[in-house]
Amino acid sequence: MTTKELLKELEYIAQNSGVVVRREKGNFKSGAAVLKAKKLVLINKNATPEIAASAIARGLPEDVLQHSFIKPVVREFIEAEAALEKPKFEIVVKY
């Protein structure tokens, strides 16, 4: 399966899972967020298909693998992305 085919499959899964995928211009990295109780994956228009696929896979709900039929290749990709360490954010307040 090519990266573009994988990306199409992930976009389809996201759409059926209630995740909004948007491609936007700007100076940002692709990633997932929750906006007004809706899951949203923002993809930079300049992002490669590999980066876009990774962002969508990481933005899918955790239970998507349990409740949907997903092609084995796509399932393996989602599981591999989920196994990667998620970025941790730290807020430092200085007085």
N, C-alpha and C. Protein backbone atom coordinates (compact mmCIF):
# COMPACT_ATOMS: atom_id res chain seq x y z
N MET A 1 0.85 -1.17 0.00
CA MET A 1 0.00 0.00 0.00
C MET A 1 0.90 1.24 0.00
N THR A 2 0.62 2.16 -0.89
CA THR A 2 1.41 3.38 -0.96
C THR A 2 1.01 4.33 0.18
N THR A 3 1.85 5.31 0.42
CA THR A 3 1.57 6.28 1.47
C THR A 3 0.31 7.07 1.17
N LYS A 4 0.10 7.41 -0.09
CA LYS A 4 -1.11 8.16 -0.45
C LYS A 4 -2.37 7.32 -0.23
N GLU A 5 -2.30 6.03 -0.53
CA GLU A 5 -3.45 5.14 -0.28
C GLU A 5 -3.70 5.02 1.22
N LEU A 6 -2.63 4.90 2.00
CA LEU A 6 -2.74 4.83 3.45
C LEU A 6 -3.39 6.11 3.99
N LEU A 7 -2.97 7.24 3.46
CA LEU A 7 -3.52 8.52 3.88
C LEU A 7 -5.01 8.60 3.58
N LYS A 8 -5.43 8.15 2.41
CA LYS A 8 -6.86 8.14 2.06
C LYS A 8 -7.65 7.25 3.02
N GLU A 9 -7.11 6.08 3.35
CA GLU A 9 -7.78 5.17 4.29
C GLU A 9 -7.92 5.83 5.66
N LEU A 10 -6.85 6.48 6.12
CA LEU A 10 -6.89 7.13 7.43
C LEU A 10 -7.88 8.29 7.44
N GLU A 11 -7.96 9.04 6.36
CA GLU A 11 -8.93 10.14 6.26
C GLU A 11 -10.35 9.59 6.32
N TYR A 12 -10.59 8.47 5.66
CA TYR A 12 -11.91 7.83 5.67
C TYR A 12 -12.28 7.37 7.08
N ILE A 13 -11.31 6.74 7.77
CA ILE A 13 -11.54 6.26 9.14
C ILE A 13 -11.81 7.45 10.07
N ALA A 14 -11.04 8.51 9.90
CA ALA A 14 -11.23 9.71 10.73
C ALA A 14 -12.62 10.29 10.53
N GLN A 15 -13.03 10.40 9.29
CA GLN A 15 -14.35 10.96 8.97
C GLN A 15 -15.45 10.12 9.62
N ASN A 16 -15.32 8.80 9.54
CA ASN A 16 -16.34 7.91 10.11
C ASN A 16 -16.28 7.86 11.64
N SER A 17 -15.18 8.33 12.22
CA SER A 17 -15.03 8.35 13.68
C SER A 17 -15.39 9.71 14.28
N GLY A 18 -15.82 10.63 13.43
CA GLY A 18 -16.19 11.95 13.93
C GLY A 18 -15.03 12.90 14.11
N VAL A 19 -13.88 12.58 13.54
CA VAL A 19 -12.71 13.44 13.62
C VAL A 19 -12.68 14.33 12.38
N VAL A 20 -12.55 15.62 12.58
CA VAL A 20 -12.49 16.57 11.48
C VAL A 20 -11.03 16.72 11.07
N VAL A 21 -10.74 16.53 9.79
CA VAL A 21 -9.38 16.69 9.27
C VAL A 21 -9.38 17.93 8.38
N ARG A 22 -8.51 18.90 8.75
CA ARG A 22 -8.42 20.13 7.96
C ARG A 22 -6.99 20.37 7.54
N ARG A 23 -6.83 20.85 6.32
CA ARG A 23 -5.51 21.23 5.81
C ARG A 23 -5.47 22.75 5.77
N GLU A 24 -4.47 23.31 6.43
CA GLU A 24 -4.37 24.76 6.56
C GLU A 24 -2.96 25.24 6.22
N LYS A 25 -2.88 26.47 5.75
CA LYS A 25 -1.59 27.11 5.55
C LYS A 25 -1.14 27.69 6.88
N GLY A 26 0.17 27.80 7.06
CA GLY A 26 0.66 28.45 8.27
C GLY A 26 2.00 27.91 8.70
N ASN A 27 2.48 28.48 9.76
CA ASN A 27 3.77 28.10 10.31
C ASN A 27 3.52 27.25 11.56
N PHE A 28 3.12 26.00 11.38
CA PHE A 28 2.83 25.11 12.48
C PHE A 28 3.09 23.67 12.06
N LYS A 29 3.24 22.81 13.07
CA LYS A 29 3.39 21.39 12.80
C LYS A 29 2.00 20.75 12.82
N SER A 30 1.82 19.72 12.05
CA SER A 30 0.54 19.02 12.01
C SER A 30 0.31 18.31 13.34
N GLY A 31 -0.97 18.22 13.73
CA GLY A 31 -1.28 17.55 14.98
C GLY A 31 -2.76 17.54 15.28
N ALA A 32 -3.11 16.94 16.41
CA ALA A 32 -4.51 16.79 16.81
C ALA A 32 -4.82 17.70 17.98
N ALA A 33 -6.09 18.08 18.07
CA ALA A 33 -6.56 18.93 19.16
C ALA A 33 -8.04 18.68 19.37
N VAL A 34 -8.55 19.16 20.48
CA VAL A 34 -9.98 19.11 20.75
C VAL A 34 -10.46 20.55 20.80
N LEU A 35 -11.45 20.85 19.96
CA LEU A 35 -11.97 22.21 19.87
C LEU A 35 -13.48 22.15 20.03
N LYS A 36 -13.97 22.77 21.07
CA LYS A 36 -15.41 22.78 21.36
C LYS A 36 -15.98 21.35 21.37
N ALA A 37 -15.30 20.48 22.07
CA ALA A 37 -15.69 19.07 22.25
C ALA A 37 -15.64 18.26 20.97
N LYS A 38 -15.01 18.76 19.93
CA LYS A 38 -14.84 18.00 18.69
C LYS A 38 -13.37 17.73 18.47
N LYS A 39 -13.07 16.51 18.07
CA LYS A 39 -11.68 16.18 17.75
C LYS A 39 -11.34 16.74 16.39
N LEU A 40 -10.17 17.34 16.30
CA LEU A 40 -9.75 18.02 15.08
C LEU A 40 -8.29 17.67 14.81
N VAL A 41 -7.98 17.34 13.57
CA VAL A 41 -6.60 17.12 13.16
C VAL A 41 -6.28 18.20 12.13
N LEU A 42 -5.32 19.05 12.47
CA LEU A 42 -4.86 20.09 11.55
C LEU A 42 -3.60 19.61 10.86
N ILE A 43 -3.61 19.69 9.54
CA ILE A 43 -2.45 19.28 8.76
C ILE A 43 -1.95 20.49 7.99
N ASN A 44 -0.68 20.76 8.12
CA ASN A 44 -0.06 21.85 7.38
C ASN A 44 -0.09 21.48 5.90
N LYS A 45 -0.51 22.41 5.05
CA LYS A 45 -0.60 22.13 3.62
C LYS A 45 0.73 21.71 3.01
N ASN A 46 1.83 22.12 3.64
CA ASN A 46 3.16 21.78 3.15
C ASN A 46 3.68 20.46 3.70
N ALA A 47 2.90 19.79 4.55
CA ALA A 47 3.34 18.54 5.16
C ALA A 47 3.38 17.43 4.12
N THR A 48 4.34 16.53 4.29
CA THR A 48 4.44 15.37 3.40
C THR A 48 3.30 14.40 3.72
N PRO A 49 2.98 13.50 2.80
CA PRO A 49 1.94 12.50 3.09
C PRO A 49 2.27 11.66 4.32
N GLU A 50 3.55 11.40 4.58
CA GLU A 50 3.95 10.61 5.75
C GLU A 50 3.60 11.35 7.04
N ILE A 51 3.89 12.64 7.07
CA ILE A 51 3.59 13.44 8.26
C ILE A 51 2.08 13.56 8.45
N ALA A 52 1.35 13.75 7.36
CA ALA A 52 -0.11 13.86 7.43
C ALA A 52 -0.71 12.55 7.95
N ALA A 53 -0.23 11.42 7.44
CA ALA A 53 -0.74 10.12 7.88
C ALA A 53 -0.46 9.91 9.36
N SER A 54 0.72 10.29 9.81
CA SER A 54 1.08 10.16 11.22
C SER A 54 0.17 11.02 12.09
N ALA A 55 -0.08 12.24 11.67
CA ALA A 55 -0.94 13.15 12.45
C ALA A 55 -2.36 12.60 12.56
N ILE A 56 -2.89 12.08 11.48
CA ILE A 56 -4.25 11.54 11.51
C ILE A 56 -4.30 10.30 12.40
N ALA A 57 -3.33 9.41 12.26
CA ALA A 57 -3.30 8.18 13.06
C ALA A 57 -3.25 8.51 14.55
N ARG A 58 -2.45 9.51 14.91
CA ARG A 58 -2.35 9.89 16.32
C ARG A 58 -3.60 10.61 16.81
N GLY A 59 -4.36 11.20 15.91
CA GLY A 59 -5.56 11.93 16.29
C GLY A 59 -6.82 11.10 16.35
N LEU A 60 -6.73 9.84 15.97
CA LEU A 60 -7.92 8.97 16.01
C LEU A 60 -8.26 8.60 17.45
N PRO A 61 -9.55 8.41 17.73
CA PRO A 61 -9.94 7.97 19.08
C PRO A 61 -9.30 6.62 19.41
N GLU A 62 -9.02 6.40 20.68
CA GLU A 62 -8.34 5.18 21.09
C GLU A 62 -9.16 3.92 20.82
N ASP A 63 -10.47 4.04 20.83
CA ASP A 63 -11.31 2.85 20.65
C ASP A 63 -11.63 2.54 19.19
N VAL A 64 -11.06 3.29 18.26
CA VAL A 64 -11.38 3.09 16.84
C VAL A 64 -10.95 1.69 16.37
N LEU A 65 -9.90 1.14 16.92
CA LEU A 65 -9.44 -0.19 16.50
C LEU A 65 -10.37 -1.29 16.99
N GLN A 66 -11.09 -1.04 18.07
CA GLN A 66 -11.97 -2.05 18.63
C GLN A 66 -13.33 -2.09 17.97
N HIS A 67 -13.79 -0.97 17.44
CA HIS A 67 -15.17 -0.88 16.97
C HIS A 67 -15.31 -0.81 15.45
N SER A 68 -14.21 -0.92 14.73
CA SER A 68 -14.29 -0.78 13.28
C SER A 68 -13.45 -1.84 12.60
N PHE A 69 -13.90 -2.25 11.40
CA PHE A 69 -13.04 -3.09 10.59
C PHE A 69 -12.06 -2.18 9.88
N ILE A 70 -10.79 -2.46 10.07
CA ILE A 70 -9.73 -1.68 9.45
C ILE A 70 -8.77 -2.66 8.78
N LYS A 71 -8.36 -2.35 7.58
CA LYS A 71 -7.42 -3.21 6.87
C LYS A 71 -6.19 -3.45 7.73
N PRO A 72 -5.64 -4.68 7.71
CA PRO A 72 -4.50 -5.00 8.57
C PRO A 72 -3.31 -4.05 8.44
N VAL A 73 -2.98 -3.62 7.24
CA VAL A 73 -1.85 -2.71 7.03
C VAL A 73 -2.11 -1.37 7.72
N VAL A 74 -3.33 -0.88 7.62
CA VAL A 74 -3.70 0.40 8.23
C VAL A 74 -3.72 0.24 9.75
N ARG A 75 -4.26 -0.88 10.22
CA ARG A 75 -4.30 -1.16 11.67
C ARG A 75 -2.89 -1.17 12.25
N GLU A 76 -1.96 -1.83 11.57
CA GLU A 76 -0.57 -1.90 12.04
C GLU A 76 0.05 -0.50 12.10
N PHE A 77 -0.25 0.34 11.12
CA PHE A 77 0.28 1.70 11.11
C PHE A 77 -0.27 2.50 12.29
N ILE A 78 -1.57 2.39 12.54
CA ILE A 78 -2.19 3.11 13.66
C ILE A 78 -1.60 2.64 14.98
N GLU A 79 -1.44 1.33 15.13
CA GLU A 79 -0.87 0.78 16.37
C GLU A 79 0.57 1.24 16.56
N ALA A 80 1.34 1.28 15.49
CA ALA A 80 2.73 1.74 15.58
C ALA A 80 2.80 3.20 15.99
N GLU A 81 1.92 4.03 15.43
CA GLU A 81 1.89 5.46 15.79
C GLU A 81 1.44 5.64 17.24
N ALA A 82 0.49 4.83 17.67
CA ALA A 82 0.00 4.94 19.05
C ALA A 82 1.08 4.52 20.05
N ALA A 83 1.97 3.62 19.63
CA ALA A 83 3.03 3.15 20.52
C ALA A 83 4.14 4.18 20.70
N LEU A 84 4.25 5.12 19.76
CA LEU A 84 5.26 6.16 19.90
C LEU A 84 4.92 7.06 21.08
N GLU A 85 5.94 7.58 21.69
CA GLU A 85 5.70 8.45 22.85
C GLU A 85 5.02 9.73 22.40
N LYS A 86 3.95 10.05 23.06
CA LYS A 86 3.23 11.29 22.77
C LYS A 86 4.00 12.45 23.38
N PRO A 87 4.00 13.59 22.71
CA PRO A 87 4.70 14.73 23.29
C PRO A 87 4.04 15.17 24.59
N LYS A 88 4.87 15.52 25.54
CA LYS A 88 4.36 15.99 26.83
C LYS A 88 4.63 17.47 26.94
N PHE A 89 3.65 18.18 27.42
CA PHE A 89 3.78 19.61 27.57
C PHE A 89 3.93 19.94 29.04
N GLU A 90 4.80 20.86 29.32
CA GLU A 90 5.04 21.26 30.69
C GLU A 90 4.84 22.76 30.79
N ILE A 91 4.07 23.17 31.75
CA ILE A 91 3.84 24.59 31.96
C ILE A 91 4.69 25.03 33.15
N VAL A 92 5.50 26.00 32.92
CA VAL A 92 6.36 26.51 33.99
C VAL A 92 5.92 27.93 34.31
N VAL A 93 5.61 28.16 35.56
CA VAL A 93 5.19 29.48 36.00
C VAL A 93 6.28 30.02 36.91
N LYS A 94 6.81 31.16 36.52
CA LYS A 94 7.85 31.79 37.34
C LYS A 94 7.26 33.03 38.01
N TYR A 95 7.56 33.17 39.26
CA TYR A 95 7.07 34.33 40.01
C TYR A 95 8.15 35.36 40.16
